[in-house]
């Protein structure tokens, strides 16, 4: 009985815990054949004493050499994105480390097959859906 109670406590604890920083690699153009334009995005979900926190002194280190510091305040619930628009072309095996001050918050590795293409943080419609709707419209005109 004691083991069952402990197991249930751990199970409910793990279900109620949420990550403080959601990060990962995404494709800006997942429908492209060759260049899917990978970019990195991370969401601030840091909560302290029940309040969402705005963070300063955030920097990204790419492959342990290139560092990008963000001079603005990273607001709670907002995303930081970095990719081709910033002059970075991610390739297989690239790593991105997120630092808050001197503390490493997390490290992510780019693997093209595991990059999420379903979530589009940058917005926009799916190109195939647009093409299908245009094609249906053209067929109706005939």
C-alpha atoms as a PDB file:
ATOM      1  CA  UNK A   1       0.000   0.000   0.000  1.00  0.00           C
ATOM      2  CA  UNK A   2       2.844   2.348   0.881  1.00  0.00           C
ATOM      3  CA  UNK A   3       4.502   1.766  -2.510  1.00  0.00           C
ATOM      4  CA  UNK A   4       1.221   2.490  -4.295  1.00  0.00           C
ATOM      5  CA  UNK A   5       0.789   5.818  -2.492  1.00  0.00           C
ATOM      6  CA  UNK A   6       4.379   6.856  -3.242  1.00  0.00           C
ATOM      7  CA  UNK A   7       3.972   5.876  -6.887  1.00  0.00           C
ATOM      8  CA  UNK A   8       0.764   7.913  -7.180  1.00  0.00           C
ATOM      9  CA  UNK A   9       2.401  10.942  -5.543  1.00  0.00           C
ATOM     10  CA  UNK A  10       5.312  10.818  -7.998  1.00  0.00           C
ATOM     11  CA  UNK A  11       2.962  10.292 -10.933  1.00  0.00           C
ATOM     12  CA  UNK A  12       0.766  13.284 -10.061  1.00  0.00           C
ATOM     13  CA  UNK A  13       3.831  15.422  -9.349  1.00  0.00           C
ATOM     14  CA  UNK A  14       5.340  14.709 -12.758  1.00  0.00           C
ATOM     15  CA  UNK A  15       2.017  15.400 -14.478  1.00  0.00           C
ATOM     16  CA  UNK A  16       1.627  18.786 -12.782  1.00  0.00           C
ATOM     17  CA  UNK A  17       5.167  20.018 -13.492  1.00  0.00           C
ATOM     18  CA  UNK A  18       5.649  22.052 -16.646  1.00  0.00           C
ATOM     19  CA  UNK A  19       8.887  23.052 -18.322  1.00  0.00           C
ATOM     20  CA  UNK A  20      10.191  26.550 -17.715  1.00  0.00           C
ATOM     21  CA  UNK A  21      11.544  26.993 -21.234  1.00  0.00           C
ATOM     22  CA  UNK A  22      10.055  25.299 -24.301  1.00  0.00           C
ATOM     23  CA  UNK A  23      12.628  25.218 -27.082  1.00  0.00           C
ATOM     24  CA  UNK A  24      13.292  23.386 -30.280  1.00  0.00           C
ATOM     25  CA  UNK A  25      14.014  23.550 -33.955  1.00  0.00           C
ATOM     26  CA  UNK A  26      11.329  24.272 -36.518  1.00  0.00           C
ATOM     27  CA  UNK A  27      11.147  24.557 -40.294  1.00  0.00           C
ATOM     28  CA  UNK A  28      10.031  27.870 -41.774  1.00  0.00           C
ATOM     29  CA  UNK A  29       9.038  26.179 -45.029  1.00  0.00           C
ATOM     30  CA  UNK A  30       8.261  22.524 -44.245  1.00  0.00           C
ATOM     31  CA  UNK A  31       6.804  21.922 -47.711  1.00  0.00           C
ATOM     32  CA  UNK A  32      10.075  22.751 -49.482  1.00  0.00           C
ATOM     33  CA  UNK A  33      11.978  19.909 -51.071  1.00  0.00           C
ATOM     34  CA  UNK A  34      15.521  21.009 -50.352  1.00  0.00           C
ATOM     35  CA  UNK A  35      15.892  24.088 -48.148  1.00  0.00           C
ATOM     36  CA  UNK A  36      13.341  23.929 -45.345  1.00  0.00           C
ATOM     37  CA  UNK A  37      14.950  26.945 -43.592  1.00  0.00           C
ATOM     38  CA  UNK A  38      15.464  25.613 -40.067  1.00  0.00           C
ATOM     39  CA  UNK A  39      15.300  28.044 -37.170  1.00  0.00           C
ATOM     40  CA  UNK A  40      15.445  27.787 -33.394  1.00  0.00           C
ATOM     41  CA  UNK A  41      12.666  29.073 -31.154  1.00  0.00           C
ATOM     42  CA  UNK A  42      12.294  29.074 -27.392  1.00  0.00           C
ATOM     43  CA  UNK A  43       9.340  30.183 -25.239  1.00  0.00           C
ATOM     44  CA  UNK A  44       9.700  31.802 -21.822  1.00  0.00           C
ATOM     45  CA  UNK A  45       7.450  29.937 -19.373  1.00  0.00           C
ATOM     46  CA  UNK A  46       9.436  30.735 -16.235  1.00  0.00           C
ATOM     47  CA  UNK A  47       7.224  31.118 -13.156  1.00  0.00           C
ATOM     48  CA  UNK A  48       8.478  32.203  -9.736  1.00  0.00           C
ATOM     49  CA  UNK A  49       6.141  32.371  -6.713  1.00  0.00           C
ATOM     50  CA  UNK A  50       3.150  31.975  -8.995  1.00  0.00           C
ATOM     51  CA  UNK A  51       4.051  34.899 -11.279  1.00  0.00           C
ATOM     52  CA  UNK A  52       5.409  34.753 -14.819  1.00  0.00           C
ATOM     53  CA  UNK A  53       8.856  36.337 -14.955  1.00  0.00           C
ATOM     54  CA  UNK A  54      10.388  38.660 -17.524  1.00  0.00           C
ATOM     55  CA  UNK A  55      14.073  37.868 -17.994  1.00  0.00           C
ATOM     56  CA  UNK A  56      17.103  39.955 -18.939  1.00  0.00           C
ATOM     57  CA  UNK A  57      20.686  39.091 -19.904  1.00  0.00           C
ATOM     58  CA  UNK A  58      19.712  36.247 -22.262  1.00  0.00           C
ATOM     59  CA  UNK A  59      22.202  34.909 -24.793  1.00  0.00           C
ATOM     60  CA  UNK A  60      22.396  32.014 -27.248  1.00  0.00           C
ATOM     61  CA  UNK A  61      25.612  30.135 -27.988  1.00  0.00           C
ATOM     62  CA  UNK A  62      25.672  28.228 -31.263  1.00  0.00           C
ATOM     63  CA  UNK A  63      28.106  25.307 -31.552  1.00  0.00           C
ATOM     64  CA  UNK A  64      30.061  26.631 -28.568  1.00  0.00           C
ATOM     65  CA  UNK A  65      31.608  29.484 -30.552  1.00  0.00           C
ATOM     66  CA  UNK A  66      29.081  32.033 -31.850  1.00  0.00           C
ATOM     67  CA  UNK A  67      27.268  34.047 -29.197  1.00  0.00           C
ATOM     68  CA  UNK A  68      24.164  36.150 -29.731  1.00  0.00           C
ATOM     69  CA  UNK A  69      23.100  38.402 -26.856  1.00  0.00           C
ATOM     70  CA  UNK A  70      19.583  39.790 -26.657  1.00  0.00           C
ATOM     71  CA  UNK A  71      19.570  43.369 -25.317  1.00  0.00           C
ATOM     72  CA  UNK A  72      15.826  43.420 -24.693  1.00  0.00           C
ATOM     73  CA  UNK A  73      13.683  41.968 -21.903  1.00  0.00           C
ATOM     74  CA  UNK A  74      12.384  38.480 -22.678  1.00  0.00           C
ATOM     75  CA  UNK A  75       8.755  38.733 -21.604  1.00  0.00           C
ATOM     76  CA  UNK A  76       6.801  35.856 -20.119  1.00  0.00           C
ATOM     77  CA  UNK A  77       5.014  33.830 -22.801  1.00  0.00           C
ATOM     78  CA  UNK A  78       7.048  35.302 -25.689  1.00  0.00           C
ATOM     79  CA  UNK A  79       9.380  33.523 -28.107  1.00  0.00           C
ATOM     80  CA  UNK A  80      12.997  34.106 -29.036  1.00  0.00           C
ATOM     81  CA  UNK A  81      13.709  33.007 -32.592  1.00  0.00           C
ATOM     82  CA  UNK A  82      17.000  32.817 -34.429  1.00  0.00           C
ATOM     83  CA  UNK A  83      17.668  31.467 -37.900  1.00  0.00           C
ATOM     84  CA  UNK A  84      18.244  32.456 -41.495  1.00  0.00           C
ATOM     85  CA  UNK A  85      16.914  35.977 -40.897  1.00  0.00           C
ATOM     86  CA  UNK A  86      19.804  36.434 -38.441  1.00  0.00           C
ATOM     87  CA  UNK A  87      22.358  35.028 -40.905  1.00  0.00           C
ATOM     88  CA  UNK A  88      22.529  31.545 -39.383  1.00  0.00           C
ATOM     89  CA  UNK A  89      22.087  28.471 -41.549  1.00  0.00           C
ATOM     90  CA  UNK A  90      21.615  25.472 -39.295  1.00  0.00           C
ATOM     91  CA  UNK A  91      22.973  22.146 -40.499  1.00  0.00           C
ATOM     92  CA  UNK A  92      22.739  18.620 -39.097  1.00  0.00           C
ATOM     93  CA  UNK A  93      24.270  18.379 -35.621  1.00  0.00           C
ATOM     94  CA  UNK A  94      24.357  22.088 -34.762  1.00  0.00           C
ATOM     95  CA  UNK A  95      23.707  22.818 -31.100  1.00  0.00           C
ATOM     96  CA  UNK A  96      22.115  25.847 -29.484  1.00  0.00           C
ATOM     97  CA  UNK A  97      22.663  26.587 -25.794  1.00  0.00           C
ATOM     98  CA  UNK A  98      20.484  29.115 -23.990  1.00  0.00           C
ATOM     99  CA  UNK A  99      22.122  31.118 -21.190  1.00  0.00           C
ATOM    100  CA  UNK A 100      20.524  33.318 -18.569  1.00  0.00           C
ATOM    101  CA  UNK A 101      23.399  35.294 -17.121  1.00  0.00           C
ATOM    102  CA  UNK A 102      26.131  32.713 -16.477  1.00  0.00           C
ATOM    103  CA  UNK A 103      23.752  29.775 -16.103  1.00  0.00           C
ATOM    104  CA  UNK A 104      23.030  27.382 -18.972  1.00  0.00           C
ATOM    105  CA  UNK A 105      19.269  26.844 -19.116  1.00  0.00           C
ATOM    106  CA  UNK A 106      19.210  24.243 -21.861  1.00  0.00           C
ATOM    107  CA  UNK A 107      20.900  22.816 -24.928  1.00  0.00           C
ATOM    108  CA  UNK A 108      19.183  21.646 -28.110  1.00  0.00           C
ATOM    109  CA  UNK A 109      20.637  19.754 -31.080  1.00  0.00           C
ATOM    110  CA  UNK A 110      19.365  20.141 -34.633  1.00  0.00           C
ATOM    111  CA  UNK A 111      18.352  16.877 -36.261  1.00  0.00           C
ATOM    112  CA  UNK A 112      16.328  17.542 -39.446  1.00  0.00           C
ATOM    113  CA  UNK A 113      14.103  14.492 -39.069  1.00  0.00           C
ATOM    114  CA  UNK A 114      13.023  15.479 -35.561  1.00  0.00           C
ATOM    115  CA  UNK A 115      12.491  19.191 -36.248  1.00  0.00           C
ATOM    116  CA  UNK A 116       8.860  20.072 -35.824  1.00  0.00           C
ATOM    117  CA  UNK A 117       7.131  21.261 -38.954  1.00  0.00           C
ATOM    118  CA  UNK A 118       3.583  21.172 -37.607  1.00  0.00           C
ATOM    119  CA  UNK A 119       3.992  24.170 -35.314  1.00  0.00           C
ATOM    120  CA  UNK A 120       4.607  27.424 -37.097  1.00  0.00           C
ATOM    121  CA  UNK A 121       5.736  30.024 -34.632  1.00  0.00           C
ATOM    122  CA  UNK A 122       6.453  32.596 -37.314  1.00  0.00           C
ATOM    123  CA  UNK A 123       2.909  32.360 -38.615  1.00  0.00           C
ATOM    124  CA  UNK A 124       1.650  32.046 -42.147  1.00  0.00           C
ATOM    125  CA  UNK A 125      -0.504  29.475 -43.851  1.00  0.00           C
ATOM    126  CA  UNK A 126       0.482  26.071 -45.056  1.00  0.00           C
ATOM    127  CA  UNK A 127       1.518  26.365 -48.711  1.00  0.00           C
ATOM    128  CA  UNK A 128      -0.202  23.142 -49.755  1.00  0.00           C
ATOM    129  CA  UNK A 129      -3.542  24.300 -48.319  1.00  0.00           C
ATOM    130  CA  UNK A 130      -3.270  27.594 -50.192  1.00  0.00           C
ATOM    131  CA  UNK A 131      -2.475  25.767 -53.436  1.00  0.00           C
ATOM    132  CA  UNK A 132      -5.449  23.410 -52.969  1.00  0.00           C
ATOM    133  CA  UNK A 133      -7.861  26.269 -52.332  1.00  0.00           C
ATOM    134  CA  UNK A 134      -6.603  28.158 -55.398  1.00  0.00           C
ATOM    135  CA  UNK A 135      -6.900  25.004 -57.509  1.00  0.00           C
ATOM    136  CA  UNK A 136     -10.509  24.478 -56.362  1.00  0.00           C
ATOM    137  CA  UNK A 137     -11.309  28.095 -57.221  1.00  0.00           C
ATOM    138  CA  UNK A 138      -9.797  27.735 -60.721  1.00  0.00           C
ATOM    139  CA  UNK A 139     -11.785  24.552 -61.339  1.00  0.00           C
ATOM    140  CA  UNK A 140     -15.027  26.330 -60.344  1.00  0.00           C
ATOM    141  CA  UNK A 141     -14.351  29.118 -62.840  1.00  0.00           C
ATOM    142  CA  UNK A 142     -14.136  26.669 -65.743  1.00  0.00           C
END
